[in-house]
Structure formats: structure tokens, C-alpha cells
Amino acid sequence: MFGLFKKAEAAPVPEEPKKKEKLKPCCACPETKKARDQCIIEKGEEHCGDLIERHKECMREMGFKI
């Protein structure tokens, strides 16, 4: 007789969508930013084109329009 009544399973509670905090440009791509900045300090901007471009590429991948 007890087999006729199945225990009602609770429906899964949907999680509230997490508010995605917008990443600030200053916090994006810290690795490429550090390498770029260090190169510019030590050698000057004209000698760091490849690092500058890598940082720009990383920023674009993170959704920034550079």
C-alpha cells in the first residue's frame, strides 16, 4: 500500500542568475600588461611593439574595443 504513494521530490530550485561584473580595462590581461609596461620602462615604447600588440590582442579577446 505504501508503494502507491511516492514521495514527492522537490523540484530543483533555479539559481538566480549571477550578475556579471564588468571587467575594468585596468584589471584585464595583467600578464601582458606587466610585460608591456616593464619593457616600455626599460627600453622605451619604440622597442616594445610586439608586447604592446600582444596586450592589445588580449584586451580584444576580453571584449574591449582597442
PDB file of N, CA and C in Angstrom:
ATOM      1  N   MET A   1       0.820  -1.197   0.000  1.00  0.00           N
ATOM      2  CA  MET A   1       0.000   0.000   0.000  1.00  0.00           C
ATOM      3  C   MET A   1       0.862   1.258   0.000  1.00  0.00           C
ATOM      4  N   PHE A   2       1.950   1.207   0.710  1.00  0.00           N
ATOM      5  CA  PHE A   2       2.815   2.377   0.769  1.00  0.00           C
ATOM      6  C   PHE A   2       3.499   2.622  -0.564  1.00  0.00           C
ATOM      7  N   GLY A   3       3.617   1.604  -1.393  1.00  0.00           N
ATOM      8  CA  GLY A   3       4.261   1.733  -2.692  1.00  0.00           C
ATOM      9  C   GLY A   3       3.449   2.567  -3.667  1.00  0.00           C
ATOM     10  N   LEU A   4       2.155   2.739  -3.403  1.00  0.00           N
ATOM     11  CA  LEU A   4       1.295   3.502  -4.301  1.00  0.00           C
ATOM     12  C   LEU A   4       1.569   4.994  -4.223  1.00  0.00           C
ATOM     13  N   PHE A   5       2.000   5.428  -3.078  1.00  0.00           N
ATOM     14  CA  PHE A   5       2.252   6.851  -2.887  1.00  0.00           C
ATOM     15  C   PHE A   5       3.750   7.100  -2.883  1.00  0.00           C
ATOM     16  N   LYS A   6       4.215   7.696  -3.923  1.00  0.00           N
ATOM     17  CA  LYS A   6       5.638   8.003  -3.989  1.00  0.00           C
ATOM     18  C   LYS A   6       5.885   9.353  -3.330  1.00  0.00           C
ATOM     19  N   LYS A   7       6.985   9.408  -2.699  1.00  0.00           N
ATOM     20  CA  LYS A   7       7.366  10.661  -2.055  1.00  0.00           C
ATOM     21  C   LYS A   7       7.617  11.706  -3.141  1.00  0.00           C
ATOM     22  N   ALA A   8       6.980  12.829  -3.000  1.00  0.00           N
ATOM     23  CA  ALA A   8       7.163  13.903  -3.982  1.00  0.00           C
ATOM     24  C   ALA A   8       8.566  14.462  -3.855  1.00  0.00           C
ATOM     25  N   GLU A   9       9.241  14.495  -4.984  1.00  0.00           N
ATOM     26  CA  GLU A   9      10.587  15.062  -4.982  1.00  0.00           C
ATOM     27  C   GLU A   9      10.487  16.550  -5.240  1.00  0.00           C
ATOM     28  N   ALA A  10      11.251  17.281  -4.482  1.00  0.00           N
ATOM     29  CA  ALA A  10      11.252  18.732  -4.648  1.00  0.00           C
ATOM     30  C   ALA A  10      11.890  19.088  -5.979  1.00  0.00           C
ATOM     31  N   ALA A  11      11.261  19.974  -6.678  1.00  0.00           N
ATOM     32  CA  ALA A  11      11.816  20.434  -7.949  1.00  0.00           C
ATOM     33  C   ALA A  11      13.072  21.231  -7.652  1.00  0.00           C
ATOM     34  N   PRO A  12      14.084  21.071  -8.497  1.00  0.00           N
ATOM     35  CA  PRO A  12      15.302  21.848  -8.249  1.00  0.00           C
ATOM     36  C   PRO A  12      15.009  23.342  -8.330  1.00  0.00           C
ATOM     37  N   VAL A  13      15.542  24.044  -7.386  1.00  0.00           N
ATOM     38  CA  VAL A  13      15.351  25.495  -7.340  1.00  0.00           C
ATOM     39  C   VAL A  13      16.338  26.135  -8.303  1.00  0.00           C
ATOM     40  N   PRO A  14      15.825  26.877  -9.285  1.00  0.00           N
ATOM     41  CA  PRO A  14      16.765  27.508 -10.223  1.00  0.00           C
ATOM     42  C   PRO A  14      17.602  28.557  -9.511  1.00  0.00           C
ATOM     43  N   GLU A  15      18.878  28.545  -9.845  1.00  0.00           N
ATOM     44  CA  GLU A  15      19.763  29.533  -9.234  1.00  0.00           C
ATOM     45  C   GLU A  15      19.490  30.890  -9.849  1.00  0.00           C
ATOM     46  N   GLU A  16      19.628  31.895  -9.022  1.00  0.00           N
ATOM     47  CA  GLU A  16      19.469  33.244  -9.546  1.00  0.00           C
ATOM     48  C   GLU A  16      20.642  33.536 -10.458  1.00  0.00           C
ATOM     49  N   PRO A  17      20.356  34.144 -11.599  1.00  0.00           N
ATOM     50  CA  PRO A  17      21.486  34.462 -12.483  1.00  0.00           C
ATOM     51  C   PRO A  17      22.449  35.403 -11.780  1.00  0.00           C
ATOM     52  N   LYS A  18      23.703  35.052 -11.841  1.00  0.00           N
ATOM     53  CA  LYS A  18      24.715  35.886 -11.197  1.00  0.00           C
ATOM     54  C   LYS A  18      24.925  37.134 -12.039  1.00  0.00           C
ATOM     55  N   LYS A  19      24.962  38.245 -11.368  1.00  0.00           N
ATOM     56  CA  LYS A  19      25.242  39.481 -12.079  1.00  0.00           C
ATOM     57  C   LYS A  19      26.706  39.491 -12.448  1.00  0.00           C
ATOM     58  N   LYS A  20      26.949  39.539 -13.727  1.00  0.00           N
ATOM     59  CA  LYS A  20      28.327  39.512 -14.198  1.00  0.00           C
ATOM     60  C   LYS A  20      28.904  40.918 -14.059  1.00  0.00           C
ATOM     61  N   GLU A  21      29.897  41.011 -13.215  1.00  0.00           N
ATOM     62  CA  GLU A  21      30.532  42.307 -13.026  1.00  0.00           C
ATOM     63  C   GLU A  21      31.382  42.610 -14.241  1.00  0.00           C
ATOM     64  N   LYS A  22      31.262  43.804 -14.708  1.00  0.00           N
ATOM     65  CA  LYS A  22      32.012  44.205 -15.881  1.00  0.00           C
ATOM     66  C   LYS A  22      33.474  44.382 -15.502  1.00  0.00           C
ATOM     67  N   LEU A  23      34.337  43.753 -16.272  1.00  0.00           N
ATOM     68  CA  LEU A  23      35.764  43.839 -16.026  1.00  0.00           C
ATOM     69  C   LEU A  23      36.269  45.210 -16.458  1.00  0.00           C
ATOM     70  N   LYS A  24      37.048  45.809 -15.601  1.00  0.00           N
ATOM     71  CA  LYS A  24      37.614  47.122 -15.916  1.00  0.00           C
ATOM     72  C   LYS A  24      38.878  46.933 -16.752  1.00  0.00           C
ATOM     73  N   PRO A  25      39.146  47.834 -17.679  1.00  0.00           N
ATOM     74  CA  PRO A  25      40.343  47.707 -18.514  1.00  0.00           C
ATOM     75  C   PRO A  25      41.636  47.622 -17.712  1.00  0.00           C
ATOM     76  N   CYS A  26      41.674  48.295 -16.587  1.00  0.00           N
ATOM     77  CA  CYS A  26      42.899  48.289 -15.785  1.00  0.00           C
ATOM     78  C   CYS A  26      43.181  46.927 -15.165  1.00  0.00           C
ATOM     79  N   CYS A  27      42.140  46.076 -15.057  1.00  0.00           N
ATOM     80  CA  CYS A  27      42.299  44.771 -14.412  1.00  0.00           C
ATOM     81  C   CYS A  27      42.391  43.617 -15.412  1.00  0.00           C
ATOM     82  N   ALA A  28      42.173  43.913 -16.674  1.00  0.00           N
ATOM     83  CA  ALA A  28      42.200  42.863 -17.693  1.00  0.00           C
ATOM     84  C   ALA A  28      43.632  42.590 -18.136  1.00  0.00           C
ATOM     85  N   CYS A  29      43.918  41.356 -18.441  1.00  0.00           N
ATOM     86  CA  CYS A  29      45.206  40.933 -19.005  1.00  0.00           C
ATOM     87  C   CYS A  29      46.411  41.396 -18.184  1.00  0.00           C
ATOM     88  N   PRO A  30      46.469  41.049 -16.910  1.00  0.00           N
ATOM     89  CA  PRO A  30      47.570  41.534 -16.078  1.00  0.00           C
ATOM     90  C   PRO A  30      48.948  41.042 -16.520  1.00  0.00           C
ATOM     91  N   GLU A  31      49.005  39.824 -17.102  1.00  0.00           N
ATOM     92  CA  GLU A  31      50.309  39.287 -17.507  1.00  0.00           C
ATOM     93  C   GLU A  31      50.893  40.092 -18.663  1.00  0.00           C
ATOM     94  N   THR A  32      50.067  40.321 -19.697  1.00  0.00           N
ATOM     95  CA  THR A  32      50.582  41.059 -20.850  1.00  0.00           C
ATOM     96  C   THR A  32      50.793  42.532 -20.509  1.00  0.00           C
ATOM     97  N   LYS A  33      49.988  43.041 -19.618  1.00  0.00           N
ATOM     98  CA  LYS A  33      50.142  44.443 -19.209  1.00  0.00           C
ATOM     99  C   LYS A  33      51.466  44.644 -18.475  1.00  0.00           C
ATOM    100  N   LYS A  34      51.769  43.722 -17.570  1.00  0.00           N
ATOM    101  CA  LYS A  34      53.008  43.831 -16.794  1.00  0.00           C
ATOM    102  C   LYS A  34      54.230  43.765 -17.708  1.00  0.00           C
ATOM    103  N   ALA A  35      54.225  42.789 -18.627  1.00  0.00           N
ATOM    104  CA  ALA A  35      55.360  42.635 -19.543  1.00  0.00           C
ATOM    105  C   ALA A  35      55.504  43.863 -20.432  1.00  0.00           C
ATOM    106  N   ARG A  36      54.388  44.360 -20.935  1.00  0.00           N
ATOM    107  CA  ARG A  36      54.411  45.560 -21.779  1.00  0.00           C
ATOM    108  C   ARG A  36      54.964  46.762 -21.025  1.00  0.00           C
ATOM    109  N   ASP A  37      54.442  46.992 -19.835  1.00  0.00           N
ATOM    110  CA  ASP A  37      54.869  48.145 -19.045  1.00  0.00           C
ATOM    111  C   ASP A  37      56.346  48.065 -18.667  1.00  0.00           C
ATOM    112  N   GLN A  38      56.794  46.880 -18.283  1.00  0.00           N
ATOM    113  CA  GLN A  38      58.195  46.702 -17.908  1.00  0.00           C
ATOM    114  C   GLN A  38      59.108  46.990 -19.096  1.00  0.00           C
ATOM    115  N   CYS A  39      58.726  46.505 -20.265  1.00  0.00           N
ATOM    116  CA  CYS A  39      59.523  46.742 -21.466  1.00  0.00           C
ATOM    117  C   CYS A  39      59.593  48.232 -21.789  1.00  0.00           C
ATOM    118  N   ILE A  40      58.454  48.891 -21.705  1.00  0.00           N
ATOM    119  CA  ILE A  40      58.418  50.325 -22.017  1.00  0.00           C
ATOM    120  C   ILE A  40      59.307  51.105 -21.049  1.00  0.00           C
ATOM    121  N   ILE A  41      59.279  50.741 -19.783  1.00  0.00           N
ATOM    122  CA  ILE A  41      60.104  51.430 -18.782  1.00  0.00           C
ATOM    123  C   ILE A  41      61.597  51.226 -19.059  1.00  0.00           C
ATOM    124  N   GLU A  42      61.949  49.968 -19.374  1.00  0.00           N
ATOM    125  CA  GLU A  42      63.362  49.638 -19.542  1.00  0.00           C
ATOM    126  C   GLU A  42      63.926  50.016 -20.909  1.00  0.00           C
ATOM    127  N   LYS A  43      63.130  49.876 -21.967  1.00  0.00           N
ATOM    128  CA  LYS A  43      63.668  50.027 -23.322  1.00  0.00           C
ATOM    129  C   LYS A  43      63.053  51.162 -24.123  1.00  0.00           C
ATOM    130  N   GLY A  44      61.909  51.637 -23.697  1.00  0.00           N
ATOM    131  CA  GLY A  44      61.220  52.664 -24.459  1.00  0.00           C
ATOM    132  C   GLY A  44      60.157  52.038 -25.361  1.00  0.00           C
ATOM    133  N   GLU A  45      59.102  52.772 -25.573  1.00  0.00           N
ATOM    134  CA  GLU A  45      57.945  52.272 -26.321  1.00  0.00           C
ATOM    135  C   GLU A  45      58.292  51.775 -27.720  1.00  0.00           C
ATOM    136  N   GLU A  46      59.215  52.441 -28.370  1.00  0.00           N
ATOM    137  CA  GLU A  46      59.565  52.082 -29.748  1.00  0.00           C
ATOM    138  C   GLU A  46      60.179  50.688 -29.879  1.00  0.00           C
ATOM    139  N   HIS A  47      60.656  50.116 -28.772  1.00  0.00           N
ATOM    140  CA  HIS A  47      61.279  48.787 -28.793  1.00  0.00           C
ATOM    141  C   HIS A  47      60.358  47.677 -28.265  1.00  0.00           C
ATOM    142  N   CYS A  48      59.109  48.007 -28.031  1.00  0.00           N
ATOM    143  CA  CYS A  48      58.208  47.044 -27.386  1.00  0.00           C
ATOM    144  C   CYS A  48      56.933  46.778 -28.188  1.00  0.00           C
ATOM    145  N   GLY A  49      57.007  46.963 -29.470  1.00  0.00           N
ATOM    146  CA  GLY A  49      55.836  46.811 -30.323  1.00  0.00           C
ATOM    147  C   GLY A  49      55.161  45.456 -30.214  1.00  0.00           C
ATOM    148  N   ASP A  50      55.958  44.387 -30.138  1.00  0.00           N
ATOM    149  CA  ASP A  50      55.367  43.050 -30.058  1.00  0.00           C
ATOM    150  C   ASP A  50      54.585  42.847 -28.763  1.00  0.00           C
ATOM    151  N   LEU A  51      55.110  43.354 -27.651  1.00  0.00           N
ATOM    152  CA  LEU A  51      54.415  43.229 -26.371  1.00  0.00           C
ATOM    153  C   LEU A  51      53.170  44.116 -26.319  1.00  0.00           C
ATOM    154  N   ILE A  52      53.267  45.264 -26.934  1.00  0.00           N
ATOM    155  CA  ILE A  52      52.114  46.168 -26.999  1.00  0.00           C
ATOM    156  C   ILE A  52      50.994  45.499 -27.798  1.00  0.00           C
ATOM    157  N   GLU A  53      51.348  44.897 -28.922  1.00  0.00           N
ATOM    158  CA  GLU A  53      50.352  44.228 -29.758  1.00  0.00           C
ATOM    159  C   GLU A  53      49.749  43.012 -29.054  1.00  0.00           C
ATOM    160  N   ARG A  54      50.552  42.250 -28.321  1.00  0.00           N
ATOM    161  CA  ARG A  54      50.034  41.105 -27.570  1.00  0.00           C
ATOM    162  C   ARG A  54      49.023  41.553 -26.522  1.00  0.00           C
ATOM    163  N   HIS A  55      49.319  42.665 -25.869  1.00  0.00           N
ATOM    164  CA  HIS A  55      48.395  43.187 -24.853  1.00  0.00           C
ATOM    165  C   HIS A  55      47.099  43.662 -25.516  1.00  0.00           C
ATOM    166  N   LYS A  56      47.207  44.331 -26.643  1.00  0.00           N
ATOM    167  CA  LYS A  56      46.006  44.773 -27.360  1.00  0.00           C
ATOM    168  C   LYS A  56      45.156  43.581 -27.773  1.00  0.00           C
ATOM    169  N   GLU A  57      45.797  42.521 -28.248  1.00  0.00           N
ATOM    170  CA  GLU A  57      45.085  41.314 -28.666  1.00  0.00           C
ATOM    171  C   GLU A  57      44.353  40.685 -27.479  1.00  0.00           C
ATOM    172  N   CYS A  58      45.026  40.622 -26.347  1.00  0.00           N
ATOM    173  CA  CYS A  58      44.403  40.076 -25.141  1.00  0.00           C
ATOM    174  C   CYS A  58      43.192  40.926 -24.738  1.00  0.00           C
ATOM    175  N   MET A  59      43.334  42.221 -24.801  1.00  0.00           N
ATOM    176  CA  MET A  59      42.228  43.115 -24.443  1.00  0.00           C
ATOM    177  C   MET A  59      41.039  42.911 -25.370  1.00  0.00           C
ATOM    178  N   ARG A  60      41.314  42.731 -26.658  1.00  0.00           N
ATOM    179  CA  ARG A  60      40.223  42.469 -27.612  1.00  0.00           C
ATOM    180  C   ARG A  60      39.520  41.153 -27.284  1.00  0.00           C
ATOM    181  N   GLU A  61      40.294  40.144 -26.928  1.00  0.00           N
ATOM    182  CA  GLU A  61      39.723  38.834 -26.566  1.00  0.00           C
ATOM    183  C   GLU A  61      38.832  38.939 -25.322  1.00  0.00           C
ATOM    184  N   MET A  62      39.137  39.895 -24.471  1.00  0.00           N
ATOM    185  CA  MET A  62      38.336  40.102 -23.257  1.00  0.00           C
ATOM    186  C   MET A  62      37.123  40.982 -23.522  1.00  0.00           C
ATOM    187  N   GLY A  63      36.962  41.425 -24.780  1.00  0.00           N
ATOM    188  CA  GLY A  63      35.778  42.197 -25.150  1.00  0.00           C
ATOM    189  C   GLY A  63      35.954  43.693 -25.229  1.00  0.00           C
ATOM    190  N   PHE A  64      37.174  44.158 -25.081  1.00  0.00           N
ATOM    191  CA  PHE A  64      37.425  45.598 -25.168  1.00  0.00           C
ATOM    192  C   PHE A  64      37.677  45.981 -26.614  1.00  0.00           C
ATOM    193  N   LYS A  65      37.194  47.137 -26.980  1.00  0.00           N
ATOM    194  CA  LYS A  65      37.397  47.625 -28.347  1.00  0.00           C
ATOM    195  C   LYS A  65      38.625  48.510 -28.380  1.00  0.00           C
ATOM    196  N   ILE A  66      39.720  47.914 -28.821  1.00  0.00           N
ATOM    197  CA  ILE A  66      41.009  48.611 -28.846  1.00  0.00           C
ATOM    198  C   ILE A  66      41.417  48.809 -30.289  1.00  0.00           C
TER     199      ILE A  66
END
